[in-house]
Amino acid sequence: MTFKALLATKNGDTISSQLVDFKEEQLMPGDVTVAVEYSTVNYKDALALSGRSPVIRQFPLIPGIDFAGIVETSTYPGIEAGDRVLANGWGLSQTHHGGFAQKARVSGEWLVKIPAVLSTRDAMAIGTAGYTAMLSVLALEHGGLTPSHGDILVTGANGGAGSVAIALLSQLGYRVIASTGRLEEADYLRALGAAEIIDRHTLSEPGAPMGKERWAGAIDSVGSHTLANVLAQTRYRGVVAAFGLAQGVDLLASVLPFILRNVTLAGIDSVQAPQPARLQAWSRLASDLDLGKLARTTQMIGLAAVAEIAAKVLEGKVQGRTIVDVNA
């Protein structure tokens, strides 16, 4: 028996990918085998396929940091054949075959049972981007922020994580400011719940170490000068959740927001997050995310179109979330 998979290979410094017929015995060790129904294209997937960042650590490898599907076989306690499960991060697309295939075999420790109100398609419409957005919202709440504290800024607003963050925050009652380089897509951001839209260029250049207090908190997917300026304009006792590097990995910031305004910078990691944090995030996504708004953020493609879409993600030309129907 064979199944379709997108396989990444490396020749010198060049990474390429192609659809292949893969054998189940070629899958890596694991105690759960899943019939994958959907995956998704995240920013990290785009980095992996382009080779711009060394996400993939060994070749050849099936990329895809997410998948959702139905368990075929399991020897892992608590997971049985027929269960609907998802996986985000861990070693997928780094050292272990990932989700851009019709089958996956992984450790049961990596899996989360999909909440009943979500379909496998919904789970991948959310994907790592949306799950990371939820982890970020939880960090703001952990820092004590409530809607009464003031506005929340979301950078990279048109991207997958930004789109879900806006939908979540607005549903929870926060007033959201969306920062974007695509002002022509303002109607899309307003439909998700953004109350105000600002041009990302107002944040992307080197700025003063301290600025006017503008927002109570922020969710940042950009990094570099943008994150430094976000911190500089965060209100007293504000919280900034940061997980991205779209502008760069540098952070030329000042300590002044931390020691004069008591600002908290909360780092968000979705790859190695412990199981309790994952379960909490997915439980909250099931209860707090408006599935109608989620549907507005999504487009569907097949495995053959993954590489093309990944290139557009890096160019900032993809709005919202891209679901991959691995059986299309």
Protein backbone atom coordinates (compact mmCIF):
# COMPACT_ATOMS: atom_id res chain seq x y z
CA MET A 1 0.00 0.00 0.00
CA THR A 2 1.23 3.46 -0.90
CA PHE A 3 -0.12 6.94 -0.25
CA LYS A 4 0.53 10.44 -1.57
CA ALA A 5 3.11 12.59 0.20
CA LEU A 6 4.98 15.80 -0.48
CA LEU A 7 8.65 14.92 -0.01
CA ALA A 8 11.35 17.56 0.50
CA THR A 9 14.88 16.82 -0.68
CA LYS A 10 18.09 18.83 -0.63
CA ASN A 11 20.76 19.14 -3.30
CA GLY A 12 23.61 21.36 -2.13
CA ASP A 13 21.91 24.44 -0.70
CA THR A 14 18.73 23.97 -2.73
CA ILE A 15 15.59 22.45 -1.23
CA SER A 16 12.94 21.10 -3.57
CA SER A 17 9.72 19.17 -3.04
CA GLN A 18 7.64 16.83 -5.13
CA LEU A 19 4.60 14.59 -4.79
CA VAL A 20 5.60 10.95 -4.42
CA ASP A 21 4.04 7.59 -3.69
CA PHE A 22 5.19 6.76 -0.17
CA LYS A 23 5.06 3.39 1.55
CA GLU A 24 3.69 3.01 5.05
CA GLU A 25 6.77 1.05 6.11
CA GLN A 26 8.82 4.16 5.25
CA LEU A 27 7.12 6.15 7.99
CA MET A 28 9.13 6.82 11.12
CA PRO A 29 8.57 5.07 14.46
CA GLY A 30 5.53 5.94 16.53
CA ASP A 31 2.76 4.26 18.48
CA VAL A 32 -0.13 5.89 16.59
CA THR A 33 -0.86 5.79 12.85
CA VAL A 34 -3.26 8.42 11.54
CA ALA A 35 -5.18 8.67 8.28
CA VAL A 36 -4.58 12.36 7.64
CA GLU A 37 -7.49 14.39 6.28
CA TYR A 38 -6.17 17.94 6.42
CA SER A 39 -2.98 19.89 7.02
CA THR A 40 -2.25 23.59 6.67
CA VAL A 41 0.43 25.99 5.43
CA ASN A 42 1.95 28.09 8.22
CA TYR A 43 4.75 30.66 8.03
CA LYS A 44 7.12 28.04 9.46
CA ASP A 45 6.10 25.63 6.69
CA ALA A 46 6.97 28.30 4.14
CA LEU A 47 10.37 28.79 5.75
CA ALA A 48 10.95 25.03 5.69
CA LEU A 49 10.07 24.57 2.02
CA SER A 50 12.08 27.61 0.92
CA GLY A 51 15.19 26.75 2.91
CA ARG A 52 15.26 30.34 4.15
CA SER A 53 15.49 28.95 7.67
CA PRO A 54 16.92 25.53 8.62
CA VAL A 55 13.61 24.14 9.84
CA ILE A 56 14.12 20.72 8.23
CA ARG A 57 17.05 19.04 9.97
CA GLN A 58 17.28 15.86 7.88
CA PHE A 59 16.45 14.90 4.32
CA PRO A 60 14.46 13.52 2.65
CA LEU A 61 11.52 14.49 4.87
CA ILE A 62 7.79 15.04 4.56
CA PRO A 63 7.20 18.65 5.70
CA GLY A 64 4.11 20.02 7.42
CA ILE A 65 4.07 21.02 11.10
CA ASP A 66 0.34 20.26 11.48
CA PHE A 67 -2.15 17.56 10.65
CA ALA A 68 -5.63 16.39 11.62
CA GLY A 69 -7.23 13.06 10.90
CA ILE A 70 -8.60 9.75 12.14
CA VAL A 71 -6.58 7.23 14.13
CA GLU A 72 -6.08 3.96 12.26
CA THR A 73 -4.04 2.05 14.83
CA SER A 74 -2.78 2.90 18.31
CA THR A 75 -0.93 1.29 21.18
CA TYR A 76 -0.82 4.57 23.13
CA PRO A 77 -3.00 4.64 26.27
CA GLY A 78 -6.11 6.78 25.86
CA ILE A 79 -5.98 6.98 22.06
CA GLU A 80 -7.96 4.45 20.07
CA ALA A 81 -8.74 3.65 16.46
CA GLY A 82 -11.45 6.00 15.23
CA ASP A 83 -10.43 8.93 17.43
CA ARG A 84 -10.22 12.33 15.75
CA VAL A 85 -6.82 13.82 16.56
CA LEU A 86 -4.52 16.69 15.66
CA ALA A 87 -0.82 17.40 15.99
CA ASN A 88 0.97 20.75 16.15
CA GLY A 89 4.74 21.17 16.14
CA TRP A 90 6.90 18.79 18.17
CA GLY A 91 9.36 17.23 15.70
CA LEU A 92 7.08 17.42 12.68
CA SER A 93 8.86 18.85 9.62
CA GLN A 94 12.11 19.05 11.57
CA THR A 95 13.28 15.53 12.34
CA HIS A 96 10.04 13.59 11.84
CA HIS A 97 7.77 13.18 8.81
CA GLY A 98 5.02 15.79 8.95
CA GLY A 99 1.50 16.46 7.80
CA PHE A 100 1.80 16.98 4.03
CA ALA A 101 0.84 13.37 3.40
CA GLN A 102 -2.16 11.06 3.54
CA LYS A 103 -0.77 9.14 6.51
CA ALA A 104 1.31 9.96 9.57
CA ARG A 105 2.86 7.87 12.32
CA VAL A 106 3.83 9.68 15.52
CA SER A 107 4.13 9.35 19.27
CA GLY A 108 0.76 9.49 20.98
CA GLU A 109 2.26 12.11 23.32
CA TRP A 110 2.17 14.53 20.38
CA LEU A 111 -1.56 14.19 19.76
CA VAL A 112 -4.55 16.14 21.02
CA LYS A 113 -8.08 14.82 20.65
CA ILE A 114 -10.09 17.29 18.61
CA PRO A 115 -12.86 18.98 20.65
CA ALA A 116 -16.31 17.72 19.65
CA VAL A 117 -17.50 21.06 18.27
CA LEU A 118 -14.62 21.22 15.78
CA SER A 119 -14.24 19.18 12.58
CA THR A 120 -10.85 17.99 11.35
CA ARG A 121 -11.10 20.75 8.76
CA ASP A 122 -11.80 23.34 11.49
CA ALA A 123 -8.78 22.07 13.40
CA MET A 124 -6.52 22.81 10.45
CA ALA A 125 -8.24 26.09 9.66
CA ILE A 126 -6.92 26.96 13.13
CA GLY A 127 -3.63 25.02 12.89
CA THR A 128 -0.43 26.08 14.59
CA ALA A 129 -1.09 29.71 13.68
CA GLY A 130 -4.43 29.81 15.50
CA TYR A 131 -3.24 27.64 18.38
CA THR A 132 -0.30 30.06 18.82
CA ALA A 133 -2.73 32.97 18.77
CA MET A 134 -4.68 31.30 21.58
CA LEU A 135 -1.50 30.72 23.60
CA SER A 136 -0.83 34.45 23.18
CA VAL A 137 -4.30 35.40 24.40
CA LEU A 138 -3.79 33.15 27.42
CA ALA A 139 -0.49 34.96 28.12
CA LEU A 140 -2.28 38.32 28.10
CA GLU A 141 -4.87 36.95 30.51
CA HIS A 142 -2.16 35.46 32.71
CA GLY A 143 -0.62 38.93 32.87
CA GLY A 144 -3.89 40.27 34.24
CA LEU A 145 -5.27 42.01 31.17
CA THR A 146 -9.02 42.28 30.68
CA PRO A 147 -11.02 44.26 28.10
CA SER A 148 -11.38 47.07 30.65
CA HIS A 149 -7.62 47.70 30.59
CA GLY A 150 -7.68 49.07 27.04
CA ASP A 151 -6.81 48.32 23.44
CA ILE A 152 -4.85 45.28 22.26
CA LEU A 153 -2.59 45.64 19.22
CA VAL A 154 -2.17 42.76 16.78
CA THR A 155 0.75 43.00 14.35
CA GLY A 156 0.93 40.96 11.15
CA ALA A 157 -2.82 41.22 11.24
CA ASN A 158 -3.56 39.77 7.79
CA GLY A 159 -1.57 36.60 8.43
CA GLY A 160 -2.92 33.38 9.87
CA ALA A 161 -2.04 33.96 13.52
CA GLY A 162 -3.00 37.63 13.33
CA SER A 163 -6.38 36.84 11.78
CA VAL A 164 -7.27 34.30 14.46
CA ALA A 165 -5.96 36.58 17.22
CA ILE A 166 -8.27 39.38 16.08
CA ALA A 167 -11.26 37.04 15.94
CA LEU A 168 -10.50 35.67 19.42
CA LEU A 169 -9.83 39.01 21.08
CA SER A 170 -12.91 40.69 19.63
CA GLN A 171 -15.08 37.73 20.68
CA LEU A 172 -13.73 38.10 24.22
CA GLY A 173 -14.66 41.78 24.30
CA TYR A 174 -11.31 43.47 23.66
CA ARG A 175 -10.99 46.48 21.39
CA VAL A 176 -8.45 45.44 18.77
CA ILE A 177 -6.03 47.59 16.80
CA ALA A 178 -4.74 45.77 13.70
CA SER A 179 -1.35 46.63 12.21
CA THR A 180 -0.98 45.70 8.55
CA GLY A 181 0.98 46.52 5.43
CA ARG A 182 -2.08 45.76 3.31
CA LEU A 183 -4.46 48.60 4.08
CA GLU A 184 -6.53 47.65 1.05
CA GLU A 185 -7.67 44.61 3.05
CA ALA A 186 -9.10 46.70 5.88
CA ASP A 187 -12.62 45.38 5.32
CA TYR A 188 -11.37 41.83 5.93
CA LEU A 189 -9.81 42.88 9.26
CA ARG A 190 -12.92 44.76 10.34
CA ALA A 191 -15.06 41.72 9.55
CA LEU A 192 -12.88 39.71 11.94
CA GLY A 193 -13.42 42.29 14.67
CA ALA A 194 -10.70 44.94 14.34
CA ALA A 195 -11.91 48.32 15.58
CA GLU A 196 -8.94 50.32 14.28
CA ILE A 197 -6.36 49.71 11.57
CA ILE A 198 -2.88 51.24 11.40
CA ASP A 199 -0.14 51.07 8.79
CA ARG A 200 2.66 48.71 9.81
CA HIS A 201 5.23 51.22 8.55
CA THR A 202 4.48 53.40 11.58
CA LEU A 203 6.09 50.65 13.67
CA SER A 204 8.68 49.08 11.39
CA GLU A 205 11.46 51.68 11.53
CA PRO A 206 13.88 52.35 14.43
CA GLY A 207 12.08 54.44 17.05
CA ALA A 208 12.46 56.12 20.42
CA PRO A 209 13.11 53.93 23.48
CA MET A 210 9.86 55.21 25.00
CA GLY A 211 6.79 56.58 23.26
CA LYS A 212 3.26 57.66 24.05
CA GLU A 213 1.26 54.95 25.83
CA ARG A 214 -1.14 53.60 23.20
CA TRP A 215 -2.23 50.02 24.01
CA ALA A 216 -2.66 47.87 27.08
CA GLY A 217 -1.18 44.85 25.38
CA ALA A 218 -0.16 43.36 22.08
CA ILE A 219 0.28 40.12 20.15
CA ASP A 220 3.32 40.38 17.89
CA SER A 221 4.30 38.09 15.03
CA VAL A 222 6.89 40.42 13.50
CA GLY A 223 9.82 40.96 15.87
CA SER A 224 12.75 43.33 15.24
CA HIS A 225 12.02 47.10 15.16
CA THR A 226 8.29 46.47 15.18
CA LEU A 227 8.40 44.63 18.51
CA ALA A 228 10.73 47.29 19.97
CA ASN A 229 8.25 50.03 19.01
CA VAL A 230 5.31 48.00 20.31
CA LEU A 231 7.02 47.71 23.70
CA ALA A 232 7.89 51.41 23.71
CA GLN A 233 4.20 52.35 23.30
CA THR A 234 2.67 49.83 25.70
CA ARG A 235 0.84 51.24 28.71
CA TYR A 236 1.84 50.86 32.34
CA ARG A 237 1.66 47.20 33.48
CA GLY A 238 0.87 46.13 29.94
CA VAL A 239 1.65 42.71 28.44
CA VAL A 240 3.12 41.90 25.03
CA ALA A 241 3.02 38.31 23.74
CA ALA A 242 5.66 37.69 21.05
CA PHE A 243 6.17 34.66 18.83
CA GLY A 244 7.21 35.86 15.38
CA LEU A 245 10.22 36.91 13.34
CA ALA A 246 8.71 38.07 10.06
CA GLN A 247 10.78 41.29 10.15
CA GLY A 248 13.81 39.76 11.84
CA VAL A 249 15.19 37.97 14.89
CA ASP A 250 16.88 41.06 16.31
CA LEU A 251 15.37 43.18 19.10
CA LEU A 252 17.11 46.53 19.44
CA ALA A 253 14.97 47.69 22.33
CA SER A 254 15.46 49.58 25.58
CA VAL A 255 14.94 48.34 29.13
CA LEU A 256 12.95 51.52 29.87
CA PRO A 257 9.47 50.07 29.16
CA PHE A 258 10.24 47.24 31.58
CA ILE A 259 11.64 49.29 34.46
CA LEU A 260 9.57 52.49 34.10
CA ARG A 261 6.22 51.08 32.92
CA ASN A 262 6.41 47.57 34.35
CA VAL A 263 5.72 46.11 30.89
CA THR A 264 5.85 42.32 30.56
CA LEU A 265 7.25 40.65 27.43
CA ALA A 266 5.89 37.09 27.24
CA GLY A 267 7.57 34.73 24.81
CA ILE A 268 5.25 32.20 23.13
CA ASP A 269 6.50 28.79 22.00
CA SER A 270 4.03 26.45 20.35
CA VAL A 271 6.43 23.69 19.27
CA GLN A 272 7.42 22.24 22.65
CA ALA A 273 4.48 23.49 24.71
CA PRO A 274 3.52 20.92 27.37
CA GLN A 275 0.35 18.90 26.95
CA PRO A 276 -1.67 20.77 29.64
CA ALA A 277 -1.05 24.07 27.84
CA ARG A 278 -2.10 22.52 24.51
CA LEU A 279 -5.27 21.06 25.99
CA GLN A 280 -6.17 24.40 27.57
CA ALA A 281 -5.55 26.26 24.32
CA TRP A 282 -7.64 23.87 22.22
CA SER A 283 -10.42 23.85 24.81
CA ARG A 284 -10.54 27.65 24.70
CA LEU A 285 -10.42 27.68 20.90
CA ALA A 286 -13.44 25.39 20.87
CA SER A 287 -15.38 27.72 23.18
CA ASP A 288 -14.10 31.19 22.23
CA LEU A 289 -13.49 31.17 18.47
CA ASP A 290 -16.34 32.23 16.19
CA LEU A 291 -16.34 29.53 13.49
CA GLY A 292 -18.09 31.91 11.11
CA LYS A 293 -15.18 34.33 11.38
CA LEU A 294 -12.75 31.42 11.06
CA ALA A 295 -14.39 30.42 7.78
CA ARG A 296 -13.78 33.93 6.41
CA THR A 297 -10.03 33.50 6.95
CA THR A 298 -9.60 30.26 5.01
CA GLN A 299 -8.87 28.95 1.54
CA MET A 300 -8.47 25.31 0.49
CA ILE A 301 -5.75 23.75 -1.67
CA GLY A 302 -4.44 20.28 -2.49
CA LEU A 303 -0.98 18.86 -1.84
CA ALA A 304 0.20 19.80 -5.32
CA ALA A 305 -0.28 23.52 -4.59
CA VAL A 306 1.56 23.64 -1.26
CA ALA A 307 4.94 24.84 -2.59
CA GLU A 308 3.34 27.64 -4.62
CA ILE A 309 1.30 28.89 -1.68
CA ALA A 310 4.31 28.66 0.64
CA ALA A 311 6.24 31.02 -1.63
CA LYS A 312 3.35 33.50 -1.52
CA VAL A 313 3.22 33.29 2.29
CA LEU A 314 6.84 34.49 2.46
CA GLU A 315 5.99 37.33 0.09
CA GLY A 316 3.13 38.42 2.37
CA LYS A 317 0.57 37.74 -0.34
CA VAL A 318 -1.64 35.23 1.48
CA GLN A 319 -4.56 36.39 3.58
CA GLY A 320 -5.54 34.36 6.60
CA ARG A 321 -5.29 30.58 6.71
CA THR A 322 -4.64 27.99 4.00
CA ILE A 323 -6.03 24.47 4.58
CA VAL A 324 -4.48 21.56 2.71
CA ASP A 325 -6.85 18.74 1.73
CA VAL A 326 -4.29 15.94 1.45
CA ASN A 327 -6.79 13.70 -0.34
CA ALA A 328 -7.78 16.20 -3.02
